[in-house]
Amino acid sequence: MSVEVTKIGKRGMVVIPSGMRRVFGLEEGSLVIAEQREEGVLFRPAVALPTEIYSSERRAEFLLSNAVDPADYQAAMEEVKKMGLDPAKIKHYQPES
């Protein structure tokens, strides 16, 4: 484990020594988590993953297309209707009988 001293600059900016940046794959724009610990502040690499937010229509498409049999499809149709949508207007695959 490596220990190095660095300074806090204007606006609280901390320079992470280049060797540590290389070891942890940190470069300009990388995200880090600053975590308050009893013994001080812990900085660790962070990852941000894109999140898709589904519309009601897309959720209805999933429900209808993932039905495994006619009974499941009928239940999905009812669920879509409860969502205030017309199942006939949702592009989807219908299970074979």
N, C-alpha and C. Protein backbone atom coordinates (compact mmCIF):
# COMPACT_ATOMS: atom_id res chain seq x y z
N MET A 1 0.86 -1.17 0.00
CA MET A 1 0.00 0.00 0.00
C MET A 1 0.90 1.23 0.00
N SER A 2 0.53 2.19 -0.82
CA SER A 2 1.32 3.41 -0.99
C SER A 2 0.71 4.55 -0.17
N VAL A 3 1.55 5.38 0.40
CA VAL A 3 1.11 6.57 1.12
C VAL A 3 1.87 7.76 0.58
N GLU A 4 1.17 8.80 0.19
CA GLU A 4 1.79 10.02 -0.31
C GLU A 4 1.07 11.21 0.29
N VAL A 5 1.77 12.34 0.40
CA VAL A 5 1.20 13.57 0.94
C VAL A 5 0.84 14.47 -0.23
N THR A 6 -0.31 15.10 -0.15
CA THR A 6 -0.75 16.05 -1.17
C THR A 6 -1.42 17.22 -0.47
N LYS A 7 -1.65 18.31 -1.20
CA LYS A 7 -2.27 19.50 -0.61
C LYS A 7 -3.69 19.66 -1.11
N ILE A 8 -4.46 20.36 -0.29
CA ILE A 8 -5.79 20.77 -0.72
C ILE A 8 -5.65 22.16 -1.31
N GLY A 9 -6.13 22.32 -2.53
CA GLY A 9 -6.00 23.60 -3.23
C GLY A 9 -7.27 24.43 -3.13
N LYS A 10 -7.35 25.41 -4.01
CA LYS A 10 -8.52 26.28 -4.05
C LYS A 10 -9.78 25.46 -4.24
N ARG A 11 -10.83 25.92 -3.62
CA ARG A 11 -12.15 25.28 -3.73
C ARG A 11 -12.14 23.82 -3.27
N GLY A 12 -11.16 23.45 -2.43
CA GLY A 12 -11.12 22.10 -1.87
C GLY A 12 -10.61 21.04 -2.83
N MET A 13 -9.97 21.44 -3.91
CA MET A 13 -9.48 20.46 -4.89
C MET A 13 -8.29 19.69 -4.31
N VAL A 14 -8.33 18.37 -4.49
CA VAL A 14 -7.26 17.49 -4.01
C VAL A 14 -6.60 16.87 -5.24
N VAL A 15 -5.27 16.92 -5.29
CA VAL A 15 -4.53 16.29 -6.37
C VAL A 15 -4.17 14.88 -5.93
N ILE A 16 -4.62 13.89 -6.70
CA ILE A 16 -4.26 12.50 -6.42
C ILE A 16 -2.94 12.24 -7.16
N PRO A 17 -1.91 11.79 -6.47
CA PRO A 17 -0.62 11.56 -7.11
C PRO A 17 -0.74 10.67 -8.35
N SER A 18 0.10 10.95 -9.34
CA SER A 18 0.00 10.28 -10.64
C SER A 18 0.12 8.76 -10.55
N GLY A 19 0.99 8.27 -9.69
CA GLY A 19 1.13 6.82 -9.55
C GLY A 19 -0.16 6.16 -9.10
N MET A 20 -0.83 6.79 -8.15
CA MET A 20 -2.10 6.25 -7.66
C MET A 20 -3.18 6.35 -8.74
N ARG A 21 -3.17 7.46 -9.50
CA ARG A 21 -4.15 7.60 -10.59
C ARG A 21 -3.97 6.46 -11.59
N ARG A 22 -2.72 6.12 -11.91
CA ARG A 22 -2.46 5.03 -12.86
C ARG A 22 -2.94 3.69 -12.30
N VAL A 23 -2.62 3.42 -11.05
CA VAL A 23 -3.00 2.15 -10.43
C VAL A 23 -4.52 1.96 -10.46
N PHE A 24 -5.26 3.03 -10.20
CA PHE A 24 -6.72 2.91 -10.10
C PHE A 24 -7.45 3.34 -11.37
N GLY A 25 -6.70 3.65 -12.42
CA GLY A 25 -7.33 3.99 -13.70
C GLY A 25 -8.09 5.30 -13.66
N LEU A 26 -7.62 6.25 -12.85
CA LEU A 26 -8.29 7.54 -12.74
C LEU A 26 -7.67 8.53 -13.72
N GLU A 27 -8.52 9.24 -14.42
CA GLU A 27 -8.06 10.28 -15.33
C GLU A 27 -9.01 11.47 -15.22
N GLU A 28 -8.69 12.54 -15.88
CA GLU A 28 -9.53 13.73 -15.80
C GLU A 28 -10.97 13.37 -16.14
N GLY A 29 -11.88 13.76 -15.29
CA GLY A 29 -13.30 13.47 -15.50
C GLY A 29 -13.78 12.19 -14.84
N SER A 30 -12.86 11.38 -14.30
CA SER A 30 -13.27 10.14 -13.62
C SER A 30 -14.11 10.49 -12.39
N LEU A 31 -15.05 9.62 -12.08
CA LEU A 31 -15.87 9.80 -10.88
C LEU A 31 -15.22 9.11 -9.70
N VAL A 32 -15.28 9.75 -8.54
CA VAL A 32 -14.82 9.13 -7.30
C VAL A 32 -15.89 9.35 -6.23
N ILE A 33 -15.89 8.47 -5.28
CA ILE A 33 -16.79 8.60 -4.13
C ILE A 33 -15.96 9.12 -2.97
N ALA A 34 -16.42 10.19 -2.33
CA ALA A 34 -15.77 10.71 -1.12
C ALA A 34 -16.62 10.24 0.05
N GLU A 35 -16.03 9.40 0.87
CA GLU A 35 -16.77 8.79 1.97
C GLU A 35 -16.19 9.23 3.31
N GLN A 36 -17.06 9.72 4.17
CA GLN A 36 -16.64 10.14 5.50
C GLN A 36 -16.44 8.91 6.36
N ARG A 37 -15.25 8.78 6.94
CA ARG A 37 -14.92 7.66 7.82
C ARG A 37 -14.47 8.22 9.16
N GLU A 38 -14.49 7.41 10.17
CA GLU A 38 -14.04 7.84 11.49
C GLU A 38 -12.60 8.33 11.44
N GLU A 39 -11.75 7.66 10.66
CA GLU A 39 -10.34 8.01 10.60
C GLU A 39 -10.01 9.08 9.56
N GLY A 40 -11.01 9.53 8.79
CA GLY A 40 -10.77 10.57 7.79
C GLY A 40 -11.67 10.42 6.58
N VAL A 41 -11.20 10.89 5.44
CA VAL A 41 -11.97 10.83 4.20
C VAL A 41 -11.36 9.74 3.31
N LEU A 42 -12.21 8.88 2.78
CA LEU A 42 -11.79 7.84 1.87
C LEU A 42 -12.29 8.18 0.47
N PHE A 43 -11.38 8.27 -0.49
CA PHE A 43 -11.75 8.47 -1.89
C PHE A 43 -11.60 7.13 -2.59
N ARG A 44 -12.62 6.73 -3.34
CA ARG A 44 -12.51 5.49 -4.11
C ARG A 44 -13.18 5.66 -5.47
N PRO A 45 -12.70 4.92 -6.46
CA PRO A 45 -13.27 5.04 -7.80
C PRO A 45 -14.75 4.71 -7.80
N ALA A 46 -15.49 5.37 -8.66
CA ALA A 46 -16.93 5.13 -8.77
C ALA A 46 -17.27 4.82 -10.23
N VAL A 47 -18.36 4.13 -10.42
CA VAL A 47 -18.85 3.82 -11.76
C VAL A 47 -20.29 4.30 -11.85
N ALA A 48 -20.62 4.99 -12.91
CA ALA A 48 -21.99 5.41 -13.16
C ALA A 48 -22.48 4.70 -14.41
N LEU A 49 -23.58 4.00 -14.29
CA LEU A 49 -24.16 3.28 -15.41
C LEU A 49 -25.42 3.98 -15.90
N PRO A 50 -25.62 4.03 -17.20
CA PRO A 50 -26.83 4.67 -17.70
C PRO A 50 -28.07 3.86 -17.29
N THR A 51 -29.12 4.56 -17.01
CA THR A 51 -30.37 3.93 -16.61
C THR A 51 -31.44 4.29 -17.62
N GLU A 52 -32.17 3.28 -18.08
CA GLU A 52 -33.27 3.53 -19.00
C GLU A 52 -34.56 3.60 -18.19
N ILE A 53 -35.31 4.65 -18.39
CA ILE A 53 -36.60 4.79 -17.71
C ILE A 53 -37.67 4.46 -18.74
N TYR A 54 -38.46 3.44 -18.45
CA TYR A 54 -39.44 2.95 -19.40
C TYR A 54 -40.76 3.71 -19.32
N SER A 55 -41.32 4.00 -20.47
CA SER A 55 -42.63 4.62 -20.54
C SER A 55 -43.68 3.54 -20.22
N SER A 56 -44.90 3.96 -19.99
CA SER A 56 -45.99 3.01 -19.74
C SER A 56 -46.17 2.08 -20.93
N GLU A 57 -46.05 2.64 -22.13
CA GLU A 57 -46.21 1.84 -23.34
C GLU A 57 -45.13 0.76 -23.44
N ARG A 58 -43.90 1.11 -23.07
CA ARG A 58 -42.80 0.14 -23.13
C ARG A 58 -43.01 -0.96 -22.09
N ARG A 59 -43.46 -0.59 -20.90
CA ARG A 59 -43.75 -1.59 -19.87
C ARG A 59 -44.87 -2.52 -20.33
N ALA A 60 -45.88 -1.94 -20.99
CA ALA A 60 -46.99 -2.75 -21.51
C ALA A 60 -46.48 -3.72 -22.58
N GLU A 61 -45.56 -3.24 -23.44
CA GLU A 61 -44.97 -4.12 -24.45
C GLU A 61 -44.26 -5.29 -23.80
N PHE A 62 -43.51 -5.04 -22.73
CA PHE A 62 -42.82 -6.12 -22.01
C PHE A 62 -43.82 -7.13 -21.46
N LEU A 63 -44.87 -6.62 -20.81
CA LEU A 63 -45.87 -7.51 -20.23
C LEU A 63 -46.49 -8.42 -21.29
N LEU A 64 -46.91 -7.83 -22.40
CA LEU A 64 -47.59 -8.58 -23.44
C LEU A 64 -46.64 -9.53 -24.17
N SER A 65 -45.45 -9.07 -24.50
CA SER A 65 -44.52 -9.90 -25.28
C SER A 65 -43.91 -11.03 -24.48
N ASN A 66 -43.88 -10.91 -23.17
CA ASN A 66 -43.26 -11.95 -22.34
C ASN A 66 -44.25 -12.97 -21.81
N ALA A 67 -45.49 -12.88 -22.24
CA ALA A 67 -46.48 -13.88 -21.84
C ALA A 67 -46.08 -15.24 -22.42
N VAL A 68 -46.19 -16.29 -21.61
CA VAL A 68 -45.72 -17.61 -22.04
C VAL A 68 -46.82 -18.51 -22.60
N ASP A 69 -48.07 -18.19 -22.31
CA ASP A 69 -49.17 -19.00 -22.82
C ASP A 69 -50.42 -18.12 -22.89
N PRO A 70 -51.51 -18.62 -23.47
CA PRO A 70 -52.71 -17.79 -23.61
C PRO A 70 -53.25 -17.24 -22.28
N ALA A 71 -53.20 -18.03 -21.22
CA ALA A 71 -53.70 -17.56 -19.92
C ALA A 71 -52.83 -16.41 -19.40
N ASP A 72 -51.53 -16.55 -19.54
CA ASP A 72 -50.59 -15.51 -19.12
C ASP A 72 -50.80 -14.25 -19.97
N TYR A 73 -51.05 -14.46 -21.26
CA TYR A 73 -51.28 -13.33 -22.17
C TYR A 73 -52.55 -12.58 -21.77
N GLN A 74 -53.60 -13.32 -21.40
CA GLN A 74 -54.86 -12.70 -20.98
C GLN A 74 -54.63 -11.87 -19.70
N ALA A 75 -53.85 -12.41 -18.77
CA ALA A 75 -53.55 -11.68 -17.54
C ALA A 75 -52.74 -10.42 -17.86
N ALA A 76 -51.81 -10.51 -18.81
CA ALA A 76 -51.02 -9.34 -19.21
C ALA A 76 -51.92 -8.29 -19.85
N MET A 77 -52.88 -8.75 -20.67
CA MET A 77 -53.82 -7.79 -21.30
C MET A 77 -54.62 -7.04 -20.23
N GLU A 78 -55.05 -7.74 -19.21
CA GLU A 78 -55.81 -7.10 -18.13
C GLU A 78 -54.94 -6.09 -17.39
N GLU A 79 -53.69 -6.44 -17.17
CA GLU A 79 -52.77 -5.54 -16.48
C GLU A 79 -52.54 -4.28 -17.31
N VAL A 80 -52.40 -4.45 -18.62
CA VAL A 80 -52.21 -3.31 -19.52
C VAL A 80 -53.44 -2.41 -19.51
N LYS A 81 -54.60 -3.01 -19.49
CA LYS A 81 -55.85 -2.22 -19.42
C LYS A 81 -55.91 -1.42 -18.12
N LYS A 82 -55.45 -2.03 -17.00
CA LYS A 82 -55.42 -1.32 -15.72
C LYS A 82 -54.49 -0.11 -15.78
N MET A 83 -53.50 -0.20 -16.68
CA MET A 83 -52.56 0.92 -16.86
C MET A 83 -53.19 2.04 -17.68
N GLY A 84 -54.43 1.81 -18.16
CA GLY A 84 -55.12 2.81 -18.97
C GLY A 84 -54.72 2.78 -20.43
N LEU A 85 -54.17 1.66 -20.88
CA LEU A 85 -53.72 1.53 -22.27
C LEU A 85 -54.54 0.48 -23.00
N ASP A 86 -54.62 0.62 -24.31
CA ASP A 86 -55.32 -0.34 -25.15
C ASP A 86 -54.30 -1.35 -25.66
N PRO A 87 -54.40 -2.62 -25.24
CA PRO A 87 -53.42 -3.63 -25.67
C PRO A 87 -53.31 -3.75 -27.19
N ALA A 88 -54.40 -3.50 -27.91
CA ALA A 88 -54.39 -3.61 -29.37
C ALA A 88 -53.49 -2.55 -30.01
N LYS A 89 -53.21 -1.47 -29.29
CA LYS A 89 -52.39 -0.38 -29.83
C LYS A 89 -50.92 -0.49 -29.44
N ILE A 90 -50.59 -1.55 -28.68
CA ILE A 90 -49.21 -1.76 -28.23
C ILE A 90 -48.55 -2.80 -29.15
N LYS A 91 -47.43 -2.40 -29.77
CA LYS A 91 -46.71 -3.34 -30.62
C LYS A 91 -46.10 -4.42 -29.72
N HIS A 92 -46.43 -5.69 -30.01
CA HIS A 92 -45.93 -6.78 -29.19
C HIS A 92 -46.07 -8.12 -29.92
N TYR A 93 -45.48 -9.14 -29.31
CA TYR A 93 -45.59 -10.51 -29.83
C TYR A 93 -46.61 -11.24 -28.98
N GLN A 94 -47.46 -12.02 -29.64
CA GLN A 94 -48.49 -12.78 -28.94
C GLN A 94 -48.07 -14.24 -28.89
N PRO A 95 -48.18 -14.90 -27.72
CA PRO A 95 -47.77 -16.30 -27.66
C PRO A 95 -48.65 -17.19 -28.52
N GLU A 96 -48.05 -18.26 -29.04
CA GLU A 96 -48.81 -19.21 -29.85
C GLU A 96 -49.66 -20.08 -28.93
N SER A 97 -50.82 -20.47 -29.41
CA SER A 97 -51.75 -21.31 -28.61
C SER A 97 -51.26 -22.71 -28.46
